[in-house]
Protein backbone atom coordinates (compact mmCIF):
# COMPACT_ATOMS: atom_id res chain seq x y z
CA UNK A 1 1.71 -119.74 153.83
CA UNK A 2 3.00 -119.80 157.24
CA UNK A 3 5.45 -116.51 156.95
CA UNK A 4 3.34 -113.52 156.42
CA UNK A 5 4.38 -110.19 153.89
CA UNK A 6 6.22 -107.49 155.89
CA UNK A 7 4.09 -104.53 157.05
CA UNK A 8 6.10 -102.59 159.78
CA UNK A 9 9.92 -102.47 159.71
CA UNK A 10 11.98 -101.49 162.79
CA UNK A 11 15.24 -101.49 163.51
CA UNK A 12 16.45 -104.18 166.42
CA UNK A 13 18.77 -102.33 168.96
CA UNK A 14 21.97 -102.93 167.32
CA UNK A 15 20.85 -100.80 164.30
CA UNK A 16 19.91 -104.39 162.14
CA UNK A 17 16.80 -105.22 160.06
CA UNK A 18 15.67 -108.89 160.60
CA UNK A 19 13.00 -111.39 159.42
CA UNK A 20 11.19 -114.66 159.98
CA UNK A 21 10.57 -116.41 156.90
CA UNK A 22 10.02 -120.19 156.50
CA UNK A 23 10.56 -123.04 159.01
CA UNK A 24 13.75 -125.13 160.24
CA UNK A 25 13.90 -127.99 162.59
CA UNK A 26 15.54 -127.39 165.67
CA UNK A 27 17.61 -129.52 168.04
CA UNK A 28 14.67 -131.70 169.10
CA UNK A 29 13.44 -131.86 165.64
CA UNK A 30 10.37 -129.19 166.25
CA UNK A 31 9.37 -126.99 163.46
CA UNK A 32 10.53 -123.02 164.38
CA UNK A 33 10.92 -120.04 161.94
CA UNK A 34 14.71 -118.63 161.22
CA UNK A 35 15.35 -115.32 162.21
CA UNK A 36 17.73 -113.78 159.47
CA UNK A 37 19.55 -110.56 159.66
CA UNK A 38 19.22 -108.17 156.84
CA UNK A 39 21.54 -105.32 157.43
CA UNK A 40 21.01 -101.66 158.80
CA UNK A 41 19.37 -100.01 155.07
CA UNK A 42 15.67 -100.12 154.94
CA UNK A 43 15.67 -100.06 151.18
CA UNK A 44 18.32 -103.43 151.17
CA UNK A 45 16.73 -105.01 153.71
CA UNK A 46 13.38 -104.72 152.17
CA UNK A 47 14.97 -106.11 149.04
CA UNK A 48 16.61 -108.88 150.78
CA UNK A 49 13.27 -110.01 152.78
CA UNK A 50 11.69 -110.07 149.37
CA UNK A 51 14.19 -112.41 148.00
CA UNK A 52 13.95 -114.71 150.82
CA UNK A 53 10.21 -115.00 150.33
CA UNK A 54 10.33 -115.86 146.96
CA UNK A 55 13.11 -118.49 147.93
CA UNK A 56 10.80 -120.29 150.74
CA UNK A 57 7.80 -119.92 148.32
CA UNK A 58 9.74 -122.27 145.93
CA UNK A 59 10.50 -124.89 148.78
CA UNK A 60 6.86 -125.06 149.67
CA UNK A 61 5.67 -125.08 146.09
CA UNK A 62 7.98 -128.21 145.86
CA UNK A 63 7.47 -129.69 149.34
CA UNK A 64 3.66 -128.27 150.58
CA UNK A 65 2.57 -127.50 154.11
CA UNK A 66 5.08 -129.64 156.16
CA UNK A 67 8.23 -127.76 153.98
CA UNK A 68 11.47 -126.31 155.79
CA UNK A 69 14.52 -125.04 155.25
CA UNK A 70 17.53 -128.11 154.65
CA UNK A 71 21.05 -126.99 155.81
CA UNK A 72 21.96 -126.54 152.23
CA UNK A 73 18.97 -124.39 151.55
CA UNK A 74 19.26 -122.44 154.57
CA UNK A 75 23.01 -121.81 153.89
CA UNK A 76 22.00 -120.25 150.14
CA UNK A 77 19.15 -118.11 152.14
CA UNK A 78 21.35 -116.94 155.10
CA UNK A 79 23.73 -115.72 151.72
CA UNK A 80 20.74 -114.00 150.35
CA UNK A 81 20.11 -112.20 153.45
CA UNK A 82 23.78 -110.60 153.14
CA UNK A 83 22.91 -109.38 150.35
CA UNK A 84 25.05 -112.28 147.96
CA UNK A 85 22.87 -113.37 144.92
CA UNK A 86 26.01 -114.35 142.38
CA UNK A 87 28.10 -116.47 144.16
CA UNK A 88 30.39 -120.26 143.28
CA UNK A 89 28.80 -122.96 145.02
CA UNK A 90 31.70 -124.88 146.99
CA UNK A 91 32.44 -129.02 145.96
CA UNK A 92 32.56 -130.75 149.35
CA UNK A 93 35.95 -133.22 149.83
CA UNK A 94 33.86 -136.44 149.16
CA UNK A 95 31.45 -135.27 146.07
CA UNK A 96 31.99 -136.43 143.10
CA UNK A 97 32.47 -134.22 139.75
CA UNK A 98 28.62 -134.87 138.46
CA UNK A 99 26.77 -135.16 141.38
CA UNK A 100 28.30 -131.82 142.07
CA UNK A 101 27.44 -130.25 138.81
CA UNK A 102 24.29 -131.72 138.84
CA UNK A 103 23.43 -130.41 142.50
CA UNK A 104 24.66 -127.19 141.10
CA UNK A 105 21.89 -126.84 138.36
CA UNK A 106 19.42 -128.55 140.70
CA UNK A 107 19.50 -125.45 143.00
CA UNK A 108 19.29 -123.27 139.99
CA UNK A 109 16.51 -124.61 138.52
CA UNK A 110 15.06 -124.29 142.29
CA UNK A 111 15.99 -120.92 143.02
CA UNK A 112 16.19 -118.69 139.36
CA UNK A 113 16.36 -115.81 141.78
CA UNK A 114 19.70 -116.28 142.52
CA UNK A 115 23.10 -116.75 140.34
CA UNK A 116 24.51 -120.12 141.47
CA UNK A 117 27.55 -121.10 139.53
CA UNK A 118 29.71 -123.90 140.13
CA UNK A 119 33.59 -123.13 140.72
CA UNK A 120 35.38 -122.18 137.81
CA UNK A 121 37.31 -125.60 137.57
CA UNK A 122 34.15 -127.24 137.52
CA UNK A 123 32.34 -124.73 135.14
CA UNK A 124 34.76 -124.76 132.50
CA UNK A 125 35.87 -128.82 132.42
CA UNK A 126 32.42 -130.01 133.41
CA UNK A 127 29.82 -127.04 132.30
CA UNK A 128 26.01 -127.62 132.04
CA UNK A 129 26.41 -128.72 129.07
CA UNK A 130 28.21 -132.02 130.00
CA UNK A 131 25.15 -131.96 132.17
CA UNK A 132 22.33 -131.81 129.95
CA UNK A 133 23.61 -134.80 127.98
CA UNK A 134 23.94 -136.62 131.47
CA UNK A 135 20.37 -135.87 132.92
CA UNK A 136 19.40 -136.73 129.27
CA UNK A 137 20.88 -140.32 129.58
CA UNK A 138 20.10 -140.81 132.79
CA UNK A 139 16.40 -140.65 132.05
CA UNK A 140 17.38 -144.04 129.52
CA UNK A 141 16.21 -146.78 131.51
CA UNK A 142 18.31 -149.32 129.75
CA UNK A 143 21.67 -147.60 129.76
CA UNK A 144 23.62 -148.52 132.84
CA UNK A 145 24.10 -145.07 134.38
CA UNK A 146 27.46 -145.30 135.88
CA UNK A 147 29.30 -146.45 132.60
CA UNK A 148 27.30 -144.17 130.73
CA UNK A 149 28.21 -141.62 133.01
CA UNK A 150 31.97 -142.32 132.70
CA UNK A 151 31.93 -143.06 129.25
CA UNK A 152 30.39 -139.36 128.82
CA UNK A 153 33.25 -137.78 130.94
CA UNK A 154 35.85 -139.67 129.19
CA UNK A 155 34.49 -138.30 126.16
CA UNK A 156 33.95 -134.47 127.13
CA UNK A 157 37.75 -134.52 128.18
CA UNK A 158 39.16 -135.94 125.04
CA UNK A 159 37.27 -133.14 123.08
CA UNK A 160 39.03 -130.63 124.92
CA UNK A 161 42.06 -132.68 125.30
CA UNK A 162 42.45 -132.72 121.48
CA UNK A 163 42.02 -128.95 121.15
CA UNK A 164 43.77 -126.96 123.77
CA UNK A 165 43.77 -124.20 122.01
CA UNK A 166 40.19 -123.80 121.99
CA UNK A 167 38.60 -122.85 125.54
CA UNK A 168 35.50 -124.51 126.53
CA UNK A 169 32.32 -122.76 126.64
CA UNK A 170 32.04 -120.76 130.13
CA UNK A 171 28.95 -120.39 132.15
CA UNK A 172 29.56 -117.03 132.77
CA UNK A 173 28.62 -113.65 131.47
CA UNK A 174 25.61 -111.61 132.40
CA UNK A 175 22.65 -112.83 133.68
CA UNK A 176 19.01 -111.61 133.28
CA UNK A 177 18.51 -111.58 137.10
CA UNK A 178 21.51 -109.69 137.63
CA UNK A 179 20.70 -106.78 135.00
CA UNK A 180 16.89 -106.64 136.32
CA UNK A 181 18.81 -106.08 139.80
CA UNK A 182 20.75 -103.28 138.23
CA UNK A 183 17.40 -101.86 136.25
CA UNK A 184 15.89 -101.80 139.69
CA UNK A 185 18.60 -100.04 140.88
CA UNK A 186 18.22 -97.54 138.23
CA UNK A 187 14.57 -96.80 138.79
CA UNK A 188 15.14 -96.01 142.33
CA UNK A 189 17.75 -93.64 141.13
CA UNK A 190 15.20 -92.25 138.49
CA UNK A 191 12.11 -92.20 140.45
CA UNK A 192 12.75 -89.78 143.21
CA UNK A 193 12.68 -86.78 145.18
CA UNK A 194 14.51 -84.91 147.83
CA UNK A 195 11.51 -85.01 149.85
CA UNK A 196 9.70 -88.29 149.62
CA UNK A 197 12.49 -90.81 148.10
CA UNK A 198 11.40 -93.06 145.39
CA UNK A 199 8.14 -91.79 143.81
CA UNK A 200 4.76 -94.04 144.30
CA UNK A 201 5.04 -94.81 140.43
CA UNK A 202 8.72 -95.64 140.82
CA UNK A 203 7.90 -98.33 143.72
CA UNK A 204 5.11 -99.65 141.33
CA UNK A 205 7.79 -100.37 138.71
CA UNK A 206 10.03 -102.29 140.97
CA UNK A 207 7.67 -104.23 142.13
CA UNK A 208 6.73 -105.36 138.92
CA UNK A 209 10.35 -105.64 137.78
CA UNK A 210 10.62 -107.88 141.40
CA UNK A 211 8.05 -109.86 139.96
CA UNK A 212 9.91 -110.50 136.51
CA UNK A 213 12.57 -112.06 138.81
CA UNK A 214 10.70 -114.08 140.49
CA UNK A 215 8.52 -115.72 137.22
CA UNK A 216 11.05 -115.89 134.51
CA UNK A 217 14.01 -118.00 135.10
CA UNK A 218 17.49 -116.99 135.40
CA UNK A 219 19.52 -116.81 131.71
CA UNK A 220 22.57 -115.90 130.08
CA UNK A 221 21.60 -112.29 128.23
CA UNK A 222 23.50 -113.78 125.25
CA UNK A 223 21.02 -116.48 125.08
CA UNK A 224 18.34 -114.06 125.37
CA UNK A 225 17.76 -113.57 121.41
CA UNK A 226 14.20 -112.67 119.29
CA UNK A 227 12.59 -115.93 120.26
CA UNK A 228 13.58 -115.45 124.13
CA UNK A 229 12.19 -111.73 124.58
CA UNK A 230 9.04 -113.43 122.29
CA UNK A 231 8.55 -116.33 124.67
CA UNK A 232 8.72 -114.00 128.06
CA UNK A 233 6.22 -111.53 126.75
CA UNK A 234 4.07 -114.39 125.76
CA UNK A 235 4.09 -115.97 128.62
CA UNK A 236 2.39 -112.15 130.09
CA UNK A 237 0.17 -112.52 127.09
CA UNK A 238 -1.41 -115.97 128.15
CA UNK A 239 -1.72 -114.59 131.29
CA UNK A 240 -0.14 -117.18 133.70
CA UNK A 241 -2.28 -118.33 137.30
CA UNK A 242 -1.82 -116.08 139.96
CA UNK A 243 0.39 -116.83 142.76
CA UNK A 244 -1.01 -119.73 144.98
CA UNK A 245 -4.04 -120.05 142.89
CA UNK A 246 -4.58 -122.78 140.56
CA UNK A 247 -7.72 -121.43 138.88
CA UNK A 248 -7.04 -117.61 138.98
CA UNK A 249 -5.51 -116.11 136.40
CA UNK A 250 -3.29 -112.89 136.71
CA UNK A 251 -5.91 -109.86 135.53
CA UNK A 252 -5.51 -108.41 132.03
CA UNK A 253 -4.61 -105.01 133.45
CA UNK A 254 -1.87 -106.49 135.55
CA UNK A 255 -0.31 -108.73 132.44
CA UNK A 256 -0.34 -105.57 130.24
CA UNK A 257 1.53 -103.86 132.95
CA UNK A 258 4.10 -106.90 133.13
CA UNK A 259 5.09 -106.46 129.28
CA UNK A 260 5.41 -103.30 129.32
CA UNK A 261 8.01 -103.40 132.30
CA UNK A 262 9.65 -105.92 130.05
CA UNK A 263 9.95 -103.85 127.12
CA UNK A 264 10.98 -100.91 129.02
CA UNK A 265 13.37 -103.03 130.94
CA UNK A 266 15.09 -104.61 127.20
CA UNK A 267 15.01 -100.85 126.01
CA UNK A 268 17.36 -99.55 129.24
CA UNK A 269 19.94 -102.91 128.58
CA UNK A 270 20.00 -102.16 125.02
CA UNK A 271 21.48 -98.32 126.28
CA UNK A 272 23.59 -100.22 128.75
CA UNK A 273 27.04 -101.05 126.86
CA UNK A 274 28.54 -102.74 129.97
CA UNK A 275 25.85 -105.78 129.49
CA UNK A 276 26.73 -106.30 125.76
CA UNK A 277 22.92 -106.82 124.74
CA UNK A 278 21.49 -105.43 121.66
CA UNK A 279 17.68 -105.40 120.98
CA UNK A 280 16.35 -107.98 118.40
CA UNK A 281 15.90 -106.61 114.83
CA UNK A 282 11.95 -106.52 114.99
CA UNK A 283 11.56 -105.95 118.78
CA UNK A 284 9.07 -103.38 118.09
CA UNK A 285 6.88 -105.74 116.09
CA UNK A 286 6.54 -107.98 118.82
CA UNK A 287 2.70 -109.07 119.60
CA UNK A 288 1.86 -107.47 123.30
CA UNK A 289 -1.77 -107.80 123.23
CA UNK A 290 -2.95 -109.90 126.20
CA UNK A 291 -6.08 -112.01 125.90
CA UNK A 292 -9.32 -111.62 127.09
CA UNK A 293 -11.41 -114.07 129.04
CA UNK A 294 -14.52 -114.90 127.88
CA UNK A 295 -16.21 -113.67 131.43
CA UNK A 296 -14.55 -110.30 130.51
CA UNK A 297 -15.54 -109.00 126.96
CA UNK A 298 -18.17 -107.05 128.23
CA UNK A 299 -16.89 -103.51 128.32
CA UNK A 300 -19.80 -101.16 129.66
CA UNK A 301 -20.25 -100.20 133.08
CA UNK A 302 -22.92 -102.23 134.82
CA UNK A 303 -25.32 -100.66 137.14
CA UNK A 304 -23.82 -102.67 140.05
CA UNK A 305 -20.39 -100.55 139.31
CA UNK A 306 -21.34 -97.36 140.21
CA UNK A 307 -23.51 -95.37 143.00
CA UNK A 308 -27.03 -94.82 142.80
CA UNK A 309 -28.57 -91.38 143.71
CA UNK A 310 -29.68 -92.67 147.09
CA UNK A 311 -26.27 -94.08 147.66
CA UNK A 312 -24.68 -90.39 146.93
CA UNK A 313 -27.29 -89.08 149.05
CA UNK A 314 -25.77 -91.13 151.80
CA UNK A 315 -22.20 -90.59 151.24
CA UNK A 316 -22.44 -87.03 151.75
CA UNK A 317 -24.85 -87.22 154.72
CA UNK A 318 -21.98 -89.05 156.58
CA UNK A 319 -18.91 -87.74 154.82
CA UNK A 320 -17.05 -85.30 156.92
CA UNK A 321 -15.09 -82.29 155.36
CA UNK A 322 -12.45 -83.78 153.53
CA UNK A 323 -14.63 -86.87 152.80
CA UNK A 324 -16.95 -84.58 151.37
CA UNK A 325 -14.54 -82.89 148.98
CA UNK A 326 -12.86 -86.04 148.35
CA UNK A 327 -16.22 -87.24 146.87
CA UNK A 328 -17.11 -83.95 145.14
CA UNK A 329 -13.63 -83.92 143.51
CA UNK A 330 -14.23 -87.85 142.34
CA UNK A 331 -17.86 -86.55 140.59
CA UNK A 332 -17.37 -83.62 139.52
CA UNK A 333 -13.58 -84.01 138.15
CA UNK A 334 -13.07 -87.73 137.76
CA UNK A 335 -10.31 -87.77 140.47
CA UNK A 336 -9.43 -90.93 141.98
CA UNK A 337 -6.91 -91.02 145.08
CA UNK A 338 -3.55 -89.88 142.83
CA UNK A 339 -5.48 -87.51 141.06
CA UNK A 340 -6.86 -85.59 144.86
CA UNK A 341 -3.76 -86.37 146.25
CA UNK A 342 -1.30 -84.98 143.97
CA UNK A 343 -4.01 -81.35 143.52
CA UNK A 344 -1.66 -78.08 143.83
CA UNK A 345 -3.12 -74.83 144.82
CA UNK A 346 -2.20 -72.99 141.69
CA UNK A 347 -4.33 -75.46 139.87
CA UNK A 348 -7.57 -74.36 141.33
CA UNK A 349 -9.38 -71.02 140.47
CA UNK A 350 -11.74 -69.85 142.61
CA UNK A 351 -14.41 -67.39 140.58
CA UNK A 352 -12.01 -66.61 138.30
CA UNK A 353 -13.37 -66.25 134.47
CA UNK A 354 -11.66 -67.37 131.44
CA UNK A 355 -10.14 -64.70 128.75
CA UNK A 356 -12.44 -63.42 125.93
CA UNK A 357 -10.60 -65.11 123.18
CA UNK A 358 -10.55 -68.56 125.49
CA UNK A 359 -14.40 -67.84 125.92
CA UNK A 360 -14.78 -68.04 122.01
CA UNK A 361 -13.32 -71.38 121.51
CA UNK A 362 -14.79 -72.82 124.33
CA UNK A 363 -18.48 -72.05 122.28
CA UNK A 364 -20.23 -71.82 125.82
CA UNK A 365 -21.93 -69.50 127.88
CA UNK A 366 -19.71 -68.64 131.24
CA UNK A 367 -20.67 -66.70 134.44
CA UNK A 368 -17.58 -64.31 136.14
CA UNK A 369 -18.08 -66.47 139.22
CA UNK A 370 -17.96 -69.85 137.50
CA UNK A 371 -14.65 -71.68 139.23
CA UNK A 372 -12.77 -74.37 137.67
CA UNK A 373 -9.73 -76.88 137.99
CA UNK A 374 -6.76 -76.79 134.98
CA UNK A 375 -4.07 -79.40 135.28
CA UNK A 376 -1.95 -82.18 133.34
CA UNK A 377 -3.42 -85.78 134.86
CA UNK A 378 0.06 -86.89 135.65
CA UNK A 379 -0.69 -90.80 134.39
CA UNK A 380 -1.85 -89.93 130.92
CA UNK A 381 -0.03 -86.79 130.70
CA UNK A 382 -3.23 -85.10 129.26
CA UNK A 383 -4.52 -81.47 129.89
CA UNK A 384 -7.90 -81.50 131.38
CA UNK A 385 -10.26 -78.67 132.38
CA UNK A 386 -13.32 -79.05 134.82
CA UNK A 387 -15.95 -76.51 135.46
CA UNK A 388 -16.74 -77.21 139.09
CA UNK A 389 -19.99 -77.51 140.76
CA UNK A 390 -20.98 -74.98 143.44
CA UNK A 391 -20.71 -77.59 146.08
CA UNK A 392 -17.01 -78.38 145.09
CA UNK A 393 -16.25 -74.72 145.14
CA UNK A 394 -17.61 -74.30 148.60
CA UNK A 395 -15.52 -77.67 149.32
CA UNK A 396 -12.52 -76.40 147.70
CA UNK A 397 -12.38 -72.75 149.58
CA UNK A 398 -12.86 -74.84 153.21
CA UNK A 399 -9.84 -76.75 152.03
CA UNK A 400 -7.94 -73.48 151.10
CA UNK A 401 -8.52 -72.38 154.89
CA UNK A 402 -7.69 -75.34 156.16
CA UNK A 403 -4.18 -75.35 154.15
CA UNK A 404 -3.69 -71.68 155.15
CA UNK A 405 -3.77 -72.75 158.79
CA UNK A 406 -0.72 -74.51 157.96
CA UNK A 407 0.99 -71.90 157.41
CA UNK A 408 1.87 -69.88 153.88
CA UNK A 409 0.67 -71.81 150.79
CA UNK A 410 2.31 -71.05 147.71
CA UNK A 411 0.53 -72.23 144.12
CA UNK A 412 3.17 -75.12 143.89
CA UNK A 413 2.17 -76.47 147.68
CA UNK A 414 -0.23 -79.59 147.47
CA UNK A 415 -4.17 -78.30 148.39
CA UNK A 416 -5.50 -81.60 150.06
CA UNK A 417 -3.43 -83.01 153.01
CA UNK A 418 -4.37 -84.60 156.39
CA UNK A 419 -4.81 -82.87 159.75
CA UNK A 420 -0.98 -83.05 160.20
CA UNK A 421 -0.15 -81.46 157.29
CA UNK A 422 1.26 -84.42 155.87
CA UNK A 423 0.65 -85.45 151.84
CA UNK A 424 -1.98 -87.95 151.14
CA UNK A 425 0.38 -89.73 148.53
CA UNK A 426 3.59 -89.78 150.54
CA UNK A 427 4.44 -93.38 150.97
CA UNK A 428 4.54 -94.93 154.29
CA UNK A 429 8.09 -95.27 156.37
CA UNK A 430 8.43 -98.84 154.67
CA UNK A 431 7.93 -97.70 151.23
CA UNK A 432 4.38 -99.09 150.71
CA UNK A 433 1.87 -96.72 148.82
CA UNK A 434 -0.31 -94.34 151.06
CA UNK A 435 -3.66 -95.81 151.64
CA UNK A 436 -5.25 -92.73 153.69
CA UNK A 437 -7.91 -91.89 151.02
CA UNK A 438 -9.17 -95.51 149.90
CA UNK A 439 -9.46 -96.37 153.82
CA UNK A 440 -11.22 -93.09 155.00
CA UNK A 441 -13.53 -94.20 151.99
CA UNK A 442 -14.05 -97.53 153.31
CA UNK A 443 -14.69 -95.91 156.81
CA UNK A 444 -17.07 -94.18 155.91
CA UNK A 445 -19.18 -97.02 153.97
CA UNK A 446 -18.73 -98.59 157.45
CA UNK A 447 -20.40 -95.76 159.18
CA UNK A 448 -23.19 -95.87 156.94
CA UNK A 449 -23.70 -99.61 157.21
CA UNK A 450 -23.37 -99.30 160.94
CA UNK A 451 -26.62 -96.72 161.21
CA UNK A 452 -28.48 -99.46 159.50
CA UNK A 453 -28.44 -98.13 155.37
CA UNK A 454 -27.69 -100.39 152.93
CA UNK A 455 -25.11 -99.31 150.40
CA UNK A 456 -23.01 -101.23 147.75
CA UNK A 457 -19.82 -102.02 148.71
CA UNK A 458 -17.82 -100.23 145.94
CA UNK A 459 -14.15 -98.96 146.33
CA UNK A 460 -13.32 -94.95 146.19
CA UNK A 461 -12.24 -95.15 142.62
CA UNK A 462 -15.93 -96.21 141.76
CA UNK A 463 -16.72 -92.40 142.13
CA UNK A 464 -14.54 -91.47 139.03
CA UNK A 465 -16.63 -94.30 137.19
CA UNK A 466 -19.71 -92.90 138.65
CA UNK A 467 -18.80 -89.27 137.28
CA UNK A 468 -17.56 -90.44 134.06
CA UNK A 469 -21.03 -92.50 133.67
CA UNK A 470 -23.18 -89.65 134.35
CA UNK A 471 -21.13 -87.26 131.79
CA UNK A 472 -21.87 -89.75 129.17
CA UNK A 473 -25.66 -90.10 129.81
CA UNK A 474 -25.65 -86.33 129.32
CA UNK A 475 -23.57 -85.97 126.51
CA UNK A 476 -21.55 -88.95 124.34
CA UNK A 477 -18.41 -91.04 124.88
CA UNK A 478 -15.97 -88.54 123.39
CA UNK A 479 -16.93 -85.67 126.21
CA UNK A 480 -16.71 -88.62 128.65
CA UNK A 481 -13.10 -89.54 127.63
CA UNK A 482 -12.09 -85.85 127.73
CA UNK A 483 -13.59 -85.71 131.58
CA UNK A 484 -11.38 -88.81 132.30
CA UNK A 485 -8.18 -87.03 130.85
CA UNK A 486 -7.87 -90.24 128.23
CA UNK A 487 -4.98 -90.08 126.02
CA UNK A 488 -7.45 -90.84 123.27
CA UNK A 489 -11.00 -89.99 123.50
CA UNK A 490 -12.06 -90.69 120.07
CA UNK A 491 -11.36 -94.30 119.68
CA UNK A 492 -10.99 -94.39 115.59
CA UNK A 493 -8.82 -91.11 115.17
CA UNK A 494 -5.93 -91.45 117.40
CA UNK A 495 -4.68 -87.71 115.56
CA UNK A 496 -7.77 -85.94 116.99
CA UNK A 497 -5.72 -84.18 119.35
CA UNK A 498 -2.75 -83.18 117.03
CA UNK A 499 -4.76 -80.83 114.62
CA UNK A 500 -7.61 -79.99 116.88
CA UNK A 501 -8.24 -78.19 120.52
CA UNK A 502 -10.47 -80.87 122.60
CA UNK A 503 -14.21 -79.19 123.38
CA UNK A 504 -14.08 -78.56 126.84
CA UNK A 505 -17.23 -76.11 126.23
CA UNK A 506 -18.81 -79.23 125.44
CA UNK A 507 -17.92 -80.74 129.09
CA UNK A 508 -18.52 -77.68 130.97
CA UNK A 509 -22.34 -77.74 129.28
CA UNK A 510 -22.50 -81.77 129.99
CA UNK A 511 -20.94 -80.71 133.81
CA UNK A 512 -23.77 -78.13 134.02
CA UNK A 513 -26.57 -80.87 133.22
CA UNK A 514 -25.10 -83.09 135.89
CA UNK A 515 -24.74 -80.71 138.40
CA UNK A 516 -28.35 -80.35 137.84
CA UNK A 517 -29.35 -84.14 138.07
CA UNK A 518 -27.02 -84.15 141.22
CA UNK A 519 -29.11 -81.21 142.83
CA UNK A 520 -31.24 -83.62 145.35
CA UNK A 521 -27.97 -85.22 146.56
CA UNK A 522 -26.78 -81.82 147.26
CA UNK A 523 -29.54 -80.70 149.39
CA UNK A 524 -28.84 -83.53 151.79
């Protein structure tokens, strides 16, 4: 694909953002990229840039690698670059009515992310109902096309002349894509905070909704009934091919997220009277289970998906103090990048013993010098407690000292920051997810390999799986689920959390055994 995804956003001297998407033919007949002006607002510019890339992708799908913007599609793209996505396409002076409506219909199919309508006069008298009839007739080779077209037009006109008080069906009303774009605006408002703007989770949901616009045709909301909603969900249950691939399907996890995004959108839409759409009666009973491929049916962690003891030794040997802290939080507490970056100062309890009542409920011997992390996992909303390794405690004490160098530290401050004091989960200036933690880990693996050591090329998140695997090895699956802060650690009992407290004492006992097992790693 000749256009690349945008990574850096910088305003021009006139305060406008711009982008180069797709190709056109210049005056000499050579291909060159067209520069689109996207306005001065960054969020609007990013949304318009994404829309242009979706349009160009549809052109490339149809025309192949030599694709270019035609005069017509370039004009549509310019409108999209200015933020216009809902408009009536003008009929040219010498254009017949039927060719005009066919052109509108063709463009609607090519660019489902735009709301392209005929001029009101023709949308009323020669709407898409007529067009569908004509196109069906045109496929019948034995019929004289011109005669059939004239006959269909005349019949359609007589239909409304005979019933003057009955207005022809209008191709107006709220459309799916317009509603999805309104939903994006709501997400931007709902998932924002004064300091960081739209949250990482909010941006993730917005990207999912933008993908829904790309994958699903634009339809009138009035036509989206129970069967249509079921069809939209089934599209993701069957896992469509990935964009640009002829063999690889969207992952099961991603499909599940898209179904969740669809259902959340329809619930939001149901609560907005202005759209005039209501959930089907059996909406909550729709099947949402995503199919699994044969190659994905194994559920256990494979040995090559976790780090070995020797590899953990190398990681800690080559780690700088911040790398070391992140590795230990991954092993000790099952923290991924999001959990480490969002850890608050007030969630760390250095050498702070539990109350006698709490100790009794835990049912495990604890030392007054033991340290803990107590927090709710943001993703699952599940409370967790973690008995800290001695090495983890040392690293956290280092982090607290570094944090205090930046000024007065409050319990609500994030503990883990970079050398500039910036949060490790703060979005980039372009609105993309923060990649500092995964990138740090990738650089650590690179340093190890450059020193002629072999180490499995696993991402940072596999430290969490390594820790979970160790906890399960020294306890059982239920305790591993508690360590990972899963919503339902007991697979066979979804009410266990309602009637009982989680057995953190058993997790603490398992943590002691894991720490002992890892002692050769800590001695490096």
